Amino acid sequence: MKALVKTAKGPGHVELKSDWPKPVVRPGWVLVEVVASGICGTDVHILEDTHKNWPPVVLGHEYTGRIVEVGNDCGAWKVGDRVVCEQHTLACMSCDACRRGAIHLCPAKRSPGWGIDGAFAEFVLLPANLLHKVPDGVSFRTATVTEPTAICITGIDRAGIAIGERVVVVGPGPIGLISAMLVKAAGASEVVLVGRASSAKRLEIAESLGIKTHTLKDNVSAVSALGDTFDLAIDSTGAGESLTLCALLTRRLGRVLELGLANQSEVPFNINAATTKSITIFTSLSSEYSSWDRALAFMASKKYDPAVLTSIYPLEQWEEAFADVESRKVVKGVITPQDISVLDQTQ
């Protein structure tokens, strides 16, 4: 089968193979024909070899498709089901996180796309216990964004959102845009997305969705323009300057949620900006089980549809797709091994 493979450690070493072995189904696992898989920043980091990986390994972890073969002991799953899948394969089930039910935080887990073979391919083998069914009426194109949506929901759950609260989101990347869409749909009275002038096209997308935007020059002018009374501020960047801006924009006794990961081990942060307001800072990584079904249910309700963020590329054009994601030409690049029209199927 065709598959995009990280063949060896080191920068590069990613090739589109035409003869990669098709996965063989086994007990507890199902074989899924891939319809589409989104490109995450992690995939770019694996290409650059700045994220952990175990080559040779097929990339791609934000995927959706249809079951074509079911192994023994897979419960009620059947051929033809449309599915997405959590990324927590090979969690040890014995560490502190796993025993608390937080398998998404298991340090031993080996997610598809870097720890085991992923879905930039024609087929992917997935564990039945981590599957979620895509509801009728939700297109494959929309379902491709389930994984980052679940990540945002997990984080927002930690920080909380009450009807009528005012929210500011810093960083108009995929996580920032999805977070802004979610809190708006969840009942925020005002949502403002902050980004630099270089993100003008992404800010335009937000405005087309009814989300207010602010073009960032510096933190001081942002506070002057937006005020410091937001109930919740979400940083999607992982940059210390952005986290500081969130603290500056938040009201006293407000809340800040960090959803980003820094590119370095330490970042500068103005702790006084948070402490003098007694702000609560939450961090969040990956996605909990319940967030997946809720993400899909929200999509099915038609109150939230992230398909507008996607740009579709054939598997053979993976290099162009990666380049467009890295250069921020597109918000969410999506690779498909099938005819693009299949992404619009809703059952």
C-alpha atoms as a PDB file:
ATOM      1  CA  MET A   1       0.000   0.000   0.000  1.00  0.00           C
ATOM      2  CA  LYS A   2       0.988   3.669  -0.254  1.00  0.00           C
ATOM      3  CA  ALA A   3       2.283   5.174   2.985  1.00  0.00           C
ATOM      4  CA  LEU A   4       4.278   8.221   4.094  1.00  0.00           C
ATOM      5  CA  VAL A   5       7.096   6.832   6.208  1.00  0.00           C
ATOM      6  CA  LYS A   6       9.751   8.253   8.497  1.00  0.00           C
ATOM      7  CA  THR A   7      12.463   5.809   7.496  1.00  0.00           C
ATOM      8  CA  ALA A   8      15.315   6.748   9.850  1.00  0.00           C
ATOM      9  CA  LYS A   9      16.294   9.098  12.660  1.00  0.00           C
ATOM     10  CA  GLY A  10      17.541  12.557  11.796  1.00  0.00           C
ATOM     11  CA  PRO A  11      16.139  15.534   9.870  1.00  0.00           C
ATOM     12  CA  GLY A  12      14.270  14.476   6.750  1.00  0.00           C
ATOM     13  CA  HIS A  13      14.184  10.761   5.963  1.00  0.00           C
ATOM     14  CA  VAL A  14      10.483  10.912   5.083  1.00  0.00           C
ATOM     15  CA  GLU A  15       9.416   9.090   1.925  1.00  0.00           C
ATOM     16  CA  LEU A  16       6.194   8.126   0.185  1.00  0.00           C
ATOM     17  CA  LYS A  17       6.407   4.360  -0.168  1.00  0.00           C
ATOM     18  CA  SER A  18       4.278   2.467  -2.696  1.00  0.00           C
ATOM     19  CA  ASP A  19       4.990  -1.006  -1.298  1.00  0.00           C
ATOM     20  CA  TRP A  20       4.546  -0.546   2.465  1.00  0.00           C
ATOM     21  CA  PRO A  21       3.010  -3.711   4.008  1.00  0.00           C
ATOM     22  CA  LYS A  22      -0.738  -3.520   4.520  1.00  0.00           C
ATOM     23  CA  PRO A  23      -1.520  -4.030   8.235  1.00  0.00           C
ATOM     24  CA  VAL A  24      -2.796  -7.443   9.295  1.00  0.00           C
ATOM     25  CA  VAL A  25      -5.791  -7.473  11.617  1.00  0.00           C
ATOM     26  CA  ARG A  26      -5.422  -9.124  15.040  1.00  0.00           C
ATOM     27  CA  PRO A  27      -7.625  -9.683  18.109  1.00  0.00           C
ATOM     28  CA  GLY A  28      -8.843  -6.460  19.636  1.00  0.00           C
ATOM     29  CA  TRP A  29      -7.884  -4.383  16.593  1.00  0.00           C
ATOM     30  CA  VAL A  30      -9.689  -3.264  13.434  1.00  0.00           C
ATOM     31  CA  LEU A  31      -8.400  -2.408   9.985  1.00  0.00           C
ATOM     32  CA  VAL A  32      -9.540   1.001   8.775  1.00  0.00           C
ATOM     33  CA  GLU A  33      -9.445   2.320   5.240  1.00  0.00           C
ATOM     34  CA  VAL A  34      -8.177   5.855   5.674  1.00  0.00           C
ATOM     35  CA  VAL A  35     -10.255   8.658   4.199  1.00  0.00           C
ATOM     36  CA  ALA A  36      -8.180  11.568   5.509  1.00  0.00           C
ATOM     37  CA  SER A  37      -5.579  12.537   8.077  1.00  0.00           C
ATOM     38  CA  GLY A  38      -4.770  16.045   9.265  1.00  0.00           C
ATOM     39  CA  ILE A  39      -1.254  17.438   9.458  1.00  0.00           C
ATOM     40  CA  CYS A  40      -0.286  18.425  12.994  1.00  0.00           C
ATOM     41  CA  GLY A  41       2.704  20.496  14.037  1.00  0.00           C
ATOM     42  CA  THR A  42       3.990  17.251  15.509  1.00  0.00           C
ATOM     43  CA  ASP A  43       4.240  15.774  12.003  1.00  0.00           C
ATOM     44  CA  VAL A  44       6.409  18.697  10.915  1.00  0.00           C
ATOM     45  CA  HIS A  45       8.572  18.222  14.020  1.00  0.00           C
ATOM     46  CA  ILE A  46       8.977  14.528  13.194  1.00  0.00           C
ATOM     47  CA  LEU A  47      10.081  15.494   9.691  1.00  0.00           C
ATOM     48  CA  GLU A  48      12.651  17.792  11.300  1.00  0.00           C
ATOM     49  CA  ASP A  49      13.418  15.127  13.952  1.00  0.00           C
ATOM     50  CA  THR A  50      12.609  17.479  16.828  1.00  0.00           C
ATOM     51  CA  HIS A  51       9.843  15.202  18.190  1.00  0.00           C
ATOM     52  CA  LYS A  52      10.301  11.653  19.467  1.00  0.00           C
ATOM     53  CA  ASN A  53       9.742   8.920  16.881  1.00  0.00           C
ATOM     54  CA  TRP A  54      10.525   5.252  16.334  1.00  0.00           C
ATOM     55  CA  PRO A  55      11.341   4.756  12.642  1.00  0.00           C
ATOM     56  CA  PRO A  56      10.519   3.164  10.394  1.00  0.00           C
ATOM     57  CA  VAL A  57       7.019   4.452  11.132  1.00  0.00           C
ATOM     58  CA  VAL A  58       4.073   5.742   9.102  1.00  0.00           C
ATOM     59  CA  LEU A  59       3.213   9.330  10.022  1.00  0.00           C
ATOM     60  CA  GLY A  60      -0.265  10.787  10.655  1.00  0.00           C
ATOM     61  CA  HIS A  61      -2.371  10.801  13.836  1.00  0.00           C
ATOM     62  CA  GLU A  62      -5.432  13.021  13.152  1.00  0.00           C
ATOM     63  CA  TYR A  63      -7.461  10.624  11.052  1.00  0.00           C
ATOM     64  CA  THR A  64     -10.839   9.283  10.091  1.00  0.00           C
ATOM     65  CA  GLY A  65     -11.933   6.389   7.918  1.00  0.00           C
ATOM     66  CA  ARG A  66     -14.140   3.340   7.543  1.00  0.00           C
ATOM     67  CA  ILE A  67     -13.668  -0.112   9.088  1.00  0.00           C
ATOM     68  CA  VAL A  68     -12.975  -2.773   6.446  1.00  0.00           C
ATOM     69  CA  GLU A  69     -11.975  -5.700   8.673  1.00  0.00           C
ATOM     70  CA  VAL A  70     -12.644  -6.564  12.321  1.00  0.00           C
ATOM     71  CA  GLY A  71     -10.496  -8.792  14.519  1.00  0.00           C
ATOM     72  CA  ASN A  72     -11.774 -11.054  17.277  1.00  0.00           C
ATOM     73  CA  ASP A  73     -12.812  -9.493  20.594  1.00  0.00           C
ATOM     74  CA  CYS A  74     -13.753  -6.114  19.119  1.00  0.00           C
ATOM     75  CA  GLY A  75     -17.191  -5.791  20.660  1.00  0.00           C
ATOM     76  CA  ALA A  76     -19.941  -4.374  18.456  1.00  0.00           C
ATOM     77  CA  TRP A  77     -17.683  -2.761  15.867  1.00  0.00           C
ATOM     78  CA  LYS A  78     -18.464  -3.873  12.323  1.00  0.00           C
ATOM     79  CA  VAL A  79     -17.331  -3.440   8.748  1.00  0.00           C
ATOM     80  CA  GLY A  80     -18.608  -0.161   7.314  1.00  0.00           C
ATOM     81  CA  ASP A  81     -18.553   1.843  10.550  1.00  0.00           C
ATOM     82  CA  ARG A  82     -17.097   5.317  10.174  1.00  0.00           C
ATOM     83  CA  VAL A  83     -14.628   5.997  12.984  1.00  0.00           C
ATOM     84  CA  VAL A  84     -12.037   8.191  14.599  1.00  0.00           C
ATOM     85  CA  CYS A  85      -9.616   6.952  17.256  1.00  0.00           C
ATOM     86  CA  GLU A  86      -7.899   8.206  20.393  1.00  0.00           C
ATOM     87  CA  GLN A  87      -4.112   8.397  20.337  1.00  0.00           C
ATOM     88  CA  HIS A  88      -3.297   6.527  23.520  1.00  0.00           C
ATOM     89  CA  THR A  89      -2.162   3.127  22.221  1.00  0.00           C
ATOM     90  CA  LEU A  90       0.142   0.974  24.319  1.00  0.00           C
ATOM     91  CA  ALA A  91      -0.559   2.931  27.513  1.00  0.00           C
ATOM     92  CA  CYS A  92       1.002   0.857  30.306  1.00  0.00           C
ATOM     93  CA  MET A  93      -2.148   0.775  32.517  1.00  0.00           C
ATOM     94  CA  SER A  94       0.050   0.548  35.623  1.00  0.00           C
ATOM     95  CA  CYS A  95       1.640   3.996  36.099  1.00  0.00           C
ATOM     96  CA  ASP A  96       0.089   6.653  38.339  1.00  0.00           C
ATOM     97  CA  ALA A  97      -1.579   8.455  35.422  1.00  0.00           C
ATOM     98  CA  CYS A  98      -3.100   5.286  33.973  1.00  0.00           C
ATOM     99  CA  ARG A  99      -4.365   4.098  37.354  1.00  0.00           C
ATOM    100  CA  ARG A 100      -6.094   7.463  37.765  1.00  0.00           C
ATOM    101  CA  GLY A 101      -7.800   6.931  34.410  1.00  0.00           C
ATOM    102  CA  ALA A 102      -5.609   9.452  32.599  1.00  0.00           C
ATOM    103  CA  ILE A 103      -4.183   7.131  29.952  1.00  0.00           C
ATOM    104  CA  HIS A 104      -3.686  10.152  27.697  1.00  0.00           C
ATOM    105  CA  LEU A 105      -0.896  11.231  30.060  1.00  0.00           C
ATOM    106  CA  CYS A 106       0.876   7.861  30.219  1.00  0.00           C
ATOM    107  CA  PRO A 107       4.601   8.432  29.595  1.00  0.00           C
ATOM    108  CA  ALA A 108       4.908   4.986  28.006  1.00  0.00           C
ATOM    109  CA  LYS A 109       2.140   5.345  25.402  1.00  0.00           C
ATOM    110  CA  ARG A 110       3.098   5.031  21.741  1.00  0.00           C
ATOM    111  CA  SER A 111       0.699   7.031  19.619  1.00  0.00           C
ATOM    112  CA  PRO A 112       0.039   6.246  15.936  1.00  0.00           C
ATOM    113  CA  GLY A 113       2.123   8.460  13.689  1.00  0.00           C
ATOM    114  CA  TRP A 114       5.313   8.355  15.740  1.00  0.00           C
ATOM    115  CA  GLY A 115       5.215   5.381  18.141  1.00  0.00           C
ATOM    116  CA  ILE A 116       3.368   2.937  15.870  1.00  0.00           C
ATOM    117  CA  ASP A 117       2.218   3.210  12.269  1.00  0.00           C
ATOM    118  CA  GLY A 118      -0.215   6.055  11.626  1.00  0.00           C
ATOM    119  CA  ALA A 119      -2.640   7.118   8.923  1.00  0.00           C
ATOM    120  CA  PHE A 120      -0.804   8.936   6.150  1.00  0.00           C
ATOM    121  CA  ALA A 121      -1.511   5.726   4.270  1.00  0.00           C
ATOM    122  CA  GLU A 122      -4.263   3.772   2.561  1.00  0.00           C
ATOM    123  CA  PHE A 123      -4.967   1.643   5.665  1.00  0.00           C
ATOM    124  CA  VAL A 124      -4.270   1.857   9.396  1.00  0.00           C
ATOM    125  CA  LEU A 125      -4.648  -0.731  12.178  1.00  0.00           C
ATOM    126  CA  LEU A 126      -6.407   0.647  15.264  1.00  0.00           C
ATOM    127  CA  PRO A 127      -7.335  -0.703  18.729  1.00  0.00           C
ATOM    128  CA  ALA A 128     -11.091  -1.225  19.065  1.00  0.00           C
ATOM    129  CA  ASN A 129     -11.174   0.057  22.653  1.00  0.00           C
ATOM    130  CA  LEU A 130     -10.085   3.543  21.547  1.00  0.00           C
ATOM    131  CA  LEU A 131     -12.501   3.968  18.625  1.00  0.00           C
ATOM    132  CA  HIS A 132     -15.366   6.450  18.427  1.00  0.00           C
ATOM    133  CA  LYS A 133     -18.155   6.298  15.845  1.00  0.00           C
ATOM    134  CA  VAL A 134     -18.616   9.282  13.550  1.00  0.00           C
ATOM    135  CA  PRO A 135     -22.327  10.253  13.662  1.00  0.00           C
ATOM    136  CA  ASP A 136     -24.402  10.285  10.503  1.00  0.00           C
ATOM    137  CA  GLY A 137     -24.548  13.801   9.149  1.00  0.00           C
ATOM    138  CA  VAL A 138     -20.936  14.593  10.060  1.00  0.00           C
ATOM    139  CA  SER A 139     -18.692  14.607   6.999  1.00  0.00           C
ATOM    140  CA  PHE A 140     -15.307  12.911   6.924  1.00  0.00           C
ATOM    141  CA  ARG A 141     -13.827  16.369   6.291  1.00  0.00           C
ATOM    142  CA  THR A 142     -15.249  17.608   9.592  1.00  0.00           C
ATOM    143  CA  ALA A 143     -14.392  14.407  11.487  1.00  0.00           C
ATOM    144  CA  THR A 144     -10.739  14.789  10.510  1.00  0.00           C
ATOM    145  CA  VAL A 145     -10.540  17.625  13.035  1.00  0.00           C
ATOM    146  CA  THR A 146     -11.910  15.526  15.934  1.00  0.00           C
ATOM    147  CA  GLU A 147      -8.539  14.964  17.597  1.00  0.00           C
ATOM    148  CA  PRO A 148      -7.524  18.649  17.945  1.00  0.00           C
ATOM    149  CA  THR A 149     -11.125  19.468  18.906  1.00  0.00           C
ATOM    150  CA  ALA A 150     -10.964  16.894  21.715  1.00  0.00           C
ATOM    151  CA  ILE A 151      -7.675  18.407  22.870  1.00  0.00           C
ATOM    152  CA  CYS A 152      -9.290  21.843  23.121  1.00  0.00           C
ATOM    153  CA  ILE A 153     -12.379  20.497  24.899  1.00  0.00           C
ATOM    154  CA  THR A 154     -10.207  18.713  27.469  1.00  0.00           C
ATOM    155  CA  GLY A 155      -8.369  21.953  28.220  1.00  0.00           C
ATOM    156  CA  ILE A 156     -11.490  24.115  28.299  1.00  0.00           C
ATOM    157  CA  ASP A 157     -13.068  21.605  30.687  1.00  0.00           C
ATOM    158  CA  ARG A 158     -10.176  22.142  33.088  1.00  0.00           C
ATOM    159  CA  ALA A 159     -10.450  25.923  32.990  1.00  0.00           C
ATOM    160  CA  GLY A 160     -14.238  25.996  32.738  1.00  0.00           C
ATOM    161  CA  ILE A 161     -16.515  28.279  30.732  1.00  0.00           C
ATOM    162  CA  ALA A 162     -19.779  29.741  32.006  1.00  0.00           C
ATOM    163  CA  ILE A 163     -22.543  31.205  29.863  1.00  0.00           C
ATOM    164  CA  GLY A 164     -21.969  34.902  29.325  1.00  0.00           C
ATOM    165  CA  GLU A 165     -18.270  34.959  30.165  1.00  0.00           C
ATOM    166  CA  ARG A 166     -15.819  36.937  28.050  1.00  0.00           C
ATOM    167  CA  VAL A 167     -12.917  35.024  26.517  1.00  0.00           C
ATOM    168  CA  VAL A 168      -9.735  36.078  24.733  1.00  0.00           C
ATOM    169  CA  VAL A 169      -7.641  33.586  22.743  1.00  0.00           C
ATOM    170  CA  VAL A 170      -4.019  34.314  21.837  1.00  0.00           C
ATOM    171  CA  GLY A 171      -2.679  32.688  18.675  1.00  0.00           C
ATOM    172  CA  PRO A 172      -4.763  32.032  15.524  1.00  0.00           C
ATOM    173  CA  GLY A 173      -3.307  28.614  14.724  1.00  0.00           C
ATOM    174  CA  PRO A 174      -5.537  25.516  14.533  1.00  0.00           C
ATOM    175  CA  ILE A 175      -5.783  25.131  18.331  1.00  0.00           C
ATOM    176  CA  GLY A 176      -6.470  28.837  18.817  1.00  0.00           C
ATOM    177  CA  LEU A 177      -9.141  28.985  16.118  1.00  0.00           C
ATOM    178  CA  ILE A 178     -10.808  25.785  17.331  1.00  0.00           C
ATOM    179  CA  SER A 179     -10.780  27.045  20.931  1.00  0.00           C
ATOM    180  CA  ALA A 180     -12.362  30.331  19.874  1.00  0.00           C
ATOM    181  CA  MET A 181     -15.062  28.509  17.900  1.00  0.00           C
ATOM    182  CA  LEU A 182     -15.800  26.182  20.818  1.00  0.00           C
ATOM    183  CA  VAL A 183     -16.128  28.814  23.548  1.00  0.00           C
ATOM    184  CA  LYS A 184     -18.287  30.958  21.262  1.00  0.00           C
ATOM    185  CA  ALA A 185     -20.610  28.015  20.622  1.00  0.00           C
ATOM    186  CA  ALA A 186     -20.550  27.108  24.332  1.00  0.00           C
ATOM    187  CA  GLY A 187     -22.065  30.402  25.412  1.00  0.00           C
ATOM    188  CA  ALA A 188     -19.343  33.026  25.789  1.00  0.00           C
ATOM    189  CA  SER A 189     -20.802  36.515  25.430  1.00  0.00           C
ATOM    190  CA  GLU A 190     -17.675  37.785  23.685  1.00  0.00           C
ATOM    191  CA  VAL A 191     -14.712  36.044  22.079  1.00  0.00           C
ATOM    192  CA  VAL A 192     -11.640  37.883  20.819  1.00  0.00           C
ATOM    193  CA  LEU A 193      -8.857  36.153  18.870  1.00  0.00           C
ATOM    194  CA  VAL A 194      -5.458  37.845  19.000  1.00  0.00           C
ATOM    195  CA  GLY A 195      -2.812  37.366  16.331  1.00  0.00           C
ATOM    196  CA  ARG A 196       0.003  39.190  14.607  1.00  0.00           C
ATOM    197  CA  ALA A 197      -0.276  40.908  11.211  1.00  0.00           C
ATOM    198  CA  SER A 198       1.390  37.871   9.624  1.00  0.00           C
ATOM    199  CA  SER A 199      -1.750  35.901  10.540  1.00  0.00           C
ATOM    200  CA  ALA A 200      -4.116  38.281   8.747  1.00  0.00           C
ATOM    201  CA  LYS A 201      -5.755  35.533   6.660  1.00  0.00           C
ATOM    202  CA  ARG A 202      -6.430  33.438   9.750  1.00  0.00           C
ATOM    203  CA  LEU A 203      -7.919  36.416  11.543  1.00  0.00           C
ATOM    204  CA  GLU A 204     -10.167  36.960   8.517  1.00  0.00           C
ATOM    205  CA  ILE A 205     -11.421  33.384   8.871  1.00  0.00           C
ATOM    206  CA  ALA A 206     -12.238  34.078  12.521  1.00  0.00           C
ATOM    207  CA  GLU A 207     -14.137  37.226  11.603  1.00  0.00           C
ATOM    208  CA  SER A 208     -16.136  35.308   8.993  1.00  0.00           C
ATOM    209  CA  LEU A 209     -17.222  33.015  11.852  1.00  0.00           C
ATOM    210  CA  GLY A 210     -18.417  35.914  13.972  1.00  0.00           C
ATOM    211  CA  ILE A 211     -15.333  36.036  16.193  1.00  0.00           C
ATOM    212  CA  LYS A 212     -13.820  39.421  16.998  1.00  0.00           C
ATOM    213  CA  THR A 213     -10.109  39.833  16.286  1.00  0.00           C
ATOM    214  CA  HIS A 214      -7.217  42.033  17.346  1.00  0.00           C
ATOM    215  CA  THR A 215      -3.966  42.473  15.446  1.00  0.00           C
ATOM    216  CA  LEU A 216      -1.156  42.309  17.968  1.00  0.00           C
ATOM    217  CA  LYS A 217       1.666  44.857  17.931  1.00  0.00           C
ATOM    218  CA  ASP A 218       2.853  44.427  21.514  1.00  0.00           C
ATOM    219  CA  ASN A 219       1.420  43.474  24.878  1.00  0.00           C
ATOM    220  CA  VAL A 220       1.049  47.030  26.158  1.00  0.00           C
ATOM    221  CA  SER A 221      -1.011  48.215  23.192  1.00  0.00           C
ATOM    222  CA  ALA A 222      -3.121  45.035  23.316  1.00  0.00           C
ATOM    223  CA  VAL A 223      -4.088  45.675  26.935  1.00  0.00           C
ATOM    224  CA  SER A 224      -4.801  49.300  26.103  1.00  0.00           C
ATOM    225  CA  ALA A 225      -7.112  48.278  23.242  1.00  0.00           C
ATOM    226  CA  LEU A 226      -8.806  45.253  24.815  1.00  0.00           C
ATOM    227  CA  GLY A 227      -8.739  45.957  28.543  1.00  0.00           C
ATOM    228  CA  ASP A 228      -7.893  43.608  31.393  1.00  0.00           C
ATOM    229  CA  THR A 229     -11.291  42.194  32.358  1.00  0.00           C
ATOM    230  CA  PHE A 230     -11.631  38.918  30.438  1.00  0.00           C
ATOM    231  CA  ASP A 231     -12.919  36.019  32.522  1.00  0.00           C
ATOM    232  CA  LEU A 232     -10.805  33.468  30.654  1.00  0.00           C
ATOM    233  CA  ALA A 233      -7.706  33.834  28.489  1.00  0.00           C
ATOM    234  CA  ILE A 234      -6.430  30.940  26.381  1.00  0.00           C
ATOM    235  CA  ASP A 235      -2.899  30.743  25.010  1.00  0.00           C
ATOM    236  CA  SER A 236      -2.431  28.361  22.099  1.00  0.00           C
ATOM    237  CA  THR A 237       1.215  29.207  21.375  1.00  0.00           C
ATOM    238  CA  GLY A 238       3.346  28.037  24.292  1.00  0.00           C
ATOM    239  CA  ALA A 239       5.336  31.296  24.163  1.00  0.00           C
ATOM    240  CA  GLY A 240       6.088  33.029  27.442  1.00  0.00           C
ATOM    241  CA  GLU A 241       5.223  36.431  25.968  1.00  0.00           C
ATOM    242  CA  SER A 242       1.806  35.134  24.944  1.00  0.00           C
ATOM    243  CA  LEU A 243       1.149  33.554  28.341  1.00  0.00           C
ATOM    244  CA  THR A 244       2.101  36.866  29.942  1.00  0.00           C
ATOM    245  CA  LEU A 245      -0.342  38.653  27.635  1.00  0.00           C
ATOM    246  CA  CYS A 246      -3.084  36.276  28.771  1.00  0.00           C
ATOM    247  CA  ALA A 247      -2.358  37.157  32.390  1.00  0.00           C
ATOM    248  CA  LEU A 248      -2.409  40.875  31.573  1.00  0.00           C
ATOM    249  CA  LEU A 249      -5.766  40.624  29.763  1.00  0.00           C
ATOM    250  CA  THR A 250      -7.495  38.606  32.484  1.00  0.00           C
ATOM    251  CA  ARG A 251      -9.548  40.122  35.293  1.00  0.00           C
ATOM    252  CA  ARG A 252      -8.642  39.735  38.943  1.00  0.00           C
ATOM    253  CA  LEU A 253      -9.449  36.188  40.104  1.00  0.00           C
ATOM    254  CA  GLY A 254      -9.689  35.257  36.418  1.00  0.00           C
ATOM    255  CA  ARG A 255      -8.432  32.142  34.682  1.00  0.00           C
ATOM    256  CA  VAL A 256      -5.717  31.409  32.116  1.00  0.00           C
ATOM    257  CA  LEU A 257      -5.464  28.210  30.084  1.00  0.00           C
ATOM    258  CA  GLU A 258      -2.208  27.148  28.419  1.00  0.00           C
ATOM    259  CA  LEU A 259      -2.786  24.800  25.463  1.00  0.00           C
ATOM    260  CA  GLY A 260       0.522  25.340  23.686  1.00  0.00           C
ATOM    261  CA  LEU A 261       3.908  23.696  23.993  1.00  0.00           C
ATOM    262  CA  ALA A 262       7.071  25.787  23.950  1.00  0.00           C
ATOM    263  CA  ASN A 263       9.836  25.250  21.419  1.00  0.00           C
ATOM    264  CA  GLN A 264      12.410  25.443  24.202  1.00  0.00           C
ATOM    265  CA  SER A 265      12.662  24.015  27.708  1.00  0.00           C
ATOM    266  CA  GLU A 266      12.140  27.377  29.456  1.00  0.00           C
ATOM    267  CA  VAL A 267      10.225  30.529  28.533  1.00  0.00           C
ATOM    268  CA  PRO A 268      10.103  33.925  30.291  1.00  0.00           C
ATOM    269  CA  PHE A 269       6.852  34.710  32.090  1.00  0.00           C
ATOM    270  CA  ASN A 270       5.790  37.761  34.106  1.00  0.00           C
ATOM    271  CA  ILE A 271       4.672  35.981  37.259  1.00  0.00           C
ATOM    272  CA  ASN A 272       3.716  39.270  38.931  1.00  0.00           C
ATOM    273  CA  ALA A 273       1.106  39.912  36.244  1.00  0.00           C
ATOM    274  CA  ALA A 274      -0.655  36.755  37.391  1.00  0.00           C
ATOM    275  CA  THR A 275       0.053  36.842  41.133  1.00  0.00           C
ATOM    276  CA  THR A 276      -1.116  40.420  41.714  1.00  0.00           C
ATOM    277  CA  LYS A 277      -4.504  39.426  40.272  1.00  0.00           C
ATOM    278  CA  SER A 278      -4.670  36.002  42.016  1.00  0.00           C
ATOM    279  CA  ILE A 279      -5.184  34.417  38.601  1.00  0.00           C
ATOM    280  CA  THR A 280      -5.584  30.645  38.300  1.00  0.00           C
ATOM    281  CA  ILE A 281      -3.434  29.137  35.543  1.00  0.00           C
ATOM    282  CA  PHE A 282      -4.394  25.791  34.017  1.00  0.00           C
ATOM    283  CA  THR A 283      -2.340  23.642  31.683  1.00  0.00           C
ATOM    284  CA  SER A 284      -3.614  20.769  29.567  1.00  0.00           C
ATOM    285  CA  LEU A 285      -2.102  18.096  27.356  1.00  0.00           C
ATOM    286  CA  SER A 286      -3.737  15.667  24.925  1.00  0.00           C
ATOM    287  CA  SER A 287      -7.373  14.564  25.243  1.00  0.00           C
ATOM    288  CA  GLU A 288      -9.597  12.648  27.633  1.00  0.00           C
ATOM    289  CA  TYR A 289     -11.977   9.876  26.544  1.00  0.00           C
ATOM    290  CA  SER A 290     -15.164  11.881  27.115  1.00  0.00           C
ATOM    291  CA  SER A 291     -13.941  14.783  24.999  1.00  0.00           C
ATOM    292  CA  TRP A 292     -14.068  12.672  21.823  1.00  0.00           C
ATOM    293  CA  ASP A 293     -17.747  11.745  21.966  1.00  0.00           C
ATOM    294  CA  ARG A 294     -18.647  15.298  22.951  1.00  0.00           C
ATOM    295  CA  ALA A 295     -16.604  16.699  20.059  1.00  0.00           C
ATOM    296  CA  LEU A 296     -18.473  14.448  17.629  1.00  0.00           C
ATOM    297  CA  ALA A 297     -21.846  15.241  19.210  1.00  0.00           C
ATOM    298  CA  PHE A 298     -21.126  18.965  18.939  1.00  0.00           C
ATOM    299  CA  MET A 299     -20.279  18.493  15.266  1.00  0.00           C
ATOM    300  CA  ALA A 300     -23.503  16.542  14.727  1.00  0.00           C
ATOM    301  CA  SER A 301     -25.504  19.373  16.338  1.00  0.00           C
ATOM    302  CA  LYS A 302     -24.264  21.721  13.575  1.00  0.00           C
ATOM    303  CA  LYS A 303     -23.342  24.284  16.225  1.00  0.00           C
ATOM    304  CA  TYR A 304     -19.675  23.698  15.460  1.00  0.00           C
ATOM    305  CA  ASP A 305     -18.056  22.745  12.156  1.00  0.00           C
ATOM    306  CA  PRO A 306     -14.265  23.014  11.800  1.00  0.00           C
ATOM    307  CA  ALA A 307     -14.335  21.943   8.129  1.00  0.00           C
ATOM    308  CA  VAL A 308     -13.864  25.607   7.214  1.00  0.00           C
ATOM    309  CA  LEU A 309     -10.314  25.373   8.596  1.00  0.00           C
ATOM    310  CA  THR A 310      -9.245  22.505   6.313  1.00  0.00           C
ATOM    311  CA  SER A 311      -7.307  22.454   3.041  1.00  0.00           C
ATOM    312  CA  ILE A 312      -7.182  19.061   1.275  1.00  0.00           C
ATOM    313  CA  TYR A 313      -4.165  17.525  -0.491  1.00  0.00           C
ATOM    314  CA  PRO A 314      -3.716  14.145  -2.224  1.00  0.00           C
ATOM    315  CA  LEU A 315      -1.244  11.858  -0.448  1.00  0.00           C
ATOM    316  CA  GLU A 316       1.122  12.233  -3.399  1.00  0.00           C
ATOM    317  CA  GLN A 317       1.335  15.988  -2.701  1.00  0.00           C
ATOM    318  CA  TRP A 318       2.458  15.563   0.895  1.00  0.00           C
ATOM    319  CA  GLU A 319       5.552  17.744   0.470  1.00  0.00           C
ATOM    320  CA  GLU A 320       3.450  20.688  -0.720  1.00  0.00           C
ATOM    321  CA  ALA A 321       1.007  20.077   2.113  1.00  0.00           C
ATOM    322  CA  PHE A 322       3.749  20.045   4.775  1.00  0.00           C
ATOM    323  CA  ALA A 323       5.338  23.174   3.297  1.00  0.00           C
ATOM    324  CA  ASP A 324       2.005  25.037   3.296  1.00  0.00           C
ATOM    325  CA  VAL A 325       1.392  24.095   6.940  1.00  0.00           C
ATOM    326  CA  GLU A 326       4.900  25.082   8.003  1.00  0.00           C
ATOM    327  CA  SER A 327       4.706  28.418   6.148  1.00  0.00           C
ATOM    328  CA  ARG A 328       1.232  29.066   7.629  1.00  0.00           C
ATOM    329  CA  LYS A 329      -0.292  29.296   4.165  1.00  0.00           C
ATOM    330  CA  VAL A 330      -3.124  27.058   5.383  1.00  0.00           C
ATOM    331  CA  VAL A 331      -4.670  26.516   8.823  1.00  0.00           C
ATOM    332  CA  LYS A 332      -5.234  22.756   8.830  1.00  0.00           C
ATOM    333  CA  GLY A 333      -3.701  20.773   5.996  1.00  0.00           C
ATOM    334  CA  VAL A 334      -5.417  17.424   5.416  1.00  0.00           C
ATOM    335  CA  ILE A 335      -3.969  14.553   3.387  1.00  0.00           C
ATOM    336  CA  THR A 336      -6.144  11.947   1.674  1.00  0.00           C
ATOM    337  CA  PRO A 337      -5.191   8.735  -0.150  1.00  0.00           C
ATOM    338  CA  GLN A 338      -8.635   8.745  -1.817  1.00  0.00           C
ATOM    339  CA  ASP A 339     -10.574  10.924  -4.234  1.00  0.00           C
ATOM    340  CA  ILE A 340     -11.214  14.244  -2.492  1.00  0.00           C
ATOM    341  CA  SER A 341     -14.971  13.904  -3.037  1.00  0.00           C
ATOM    342  CA  VAL A 342     -15.076  11.073  -0.480  1.00  0.00           C
ATOM    343  CA  LEU A 343     -14.385  13.598   2.300  1.00  0.00           C
ATOM    344  CA  ASP A 344     -17.880  15.017   1.877  1.00  0.00           C
ATOM    345  CA  GLN A 345     -19.619  11.711   2.653  1.00  0.00           C
ATOM    346  CA  THR A 346     -21.784  11.986   5.763  1.00  0.00           C
ATOM    347  CA  GLN A 347     -22.730   8.368   6.402  1.00  0.00           C
END
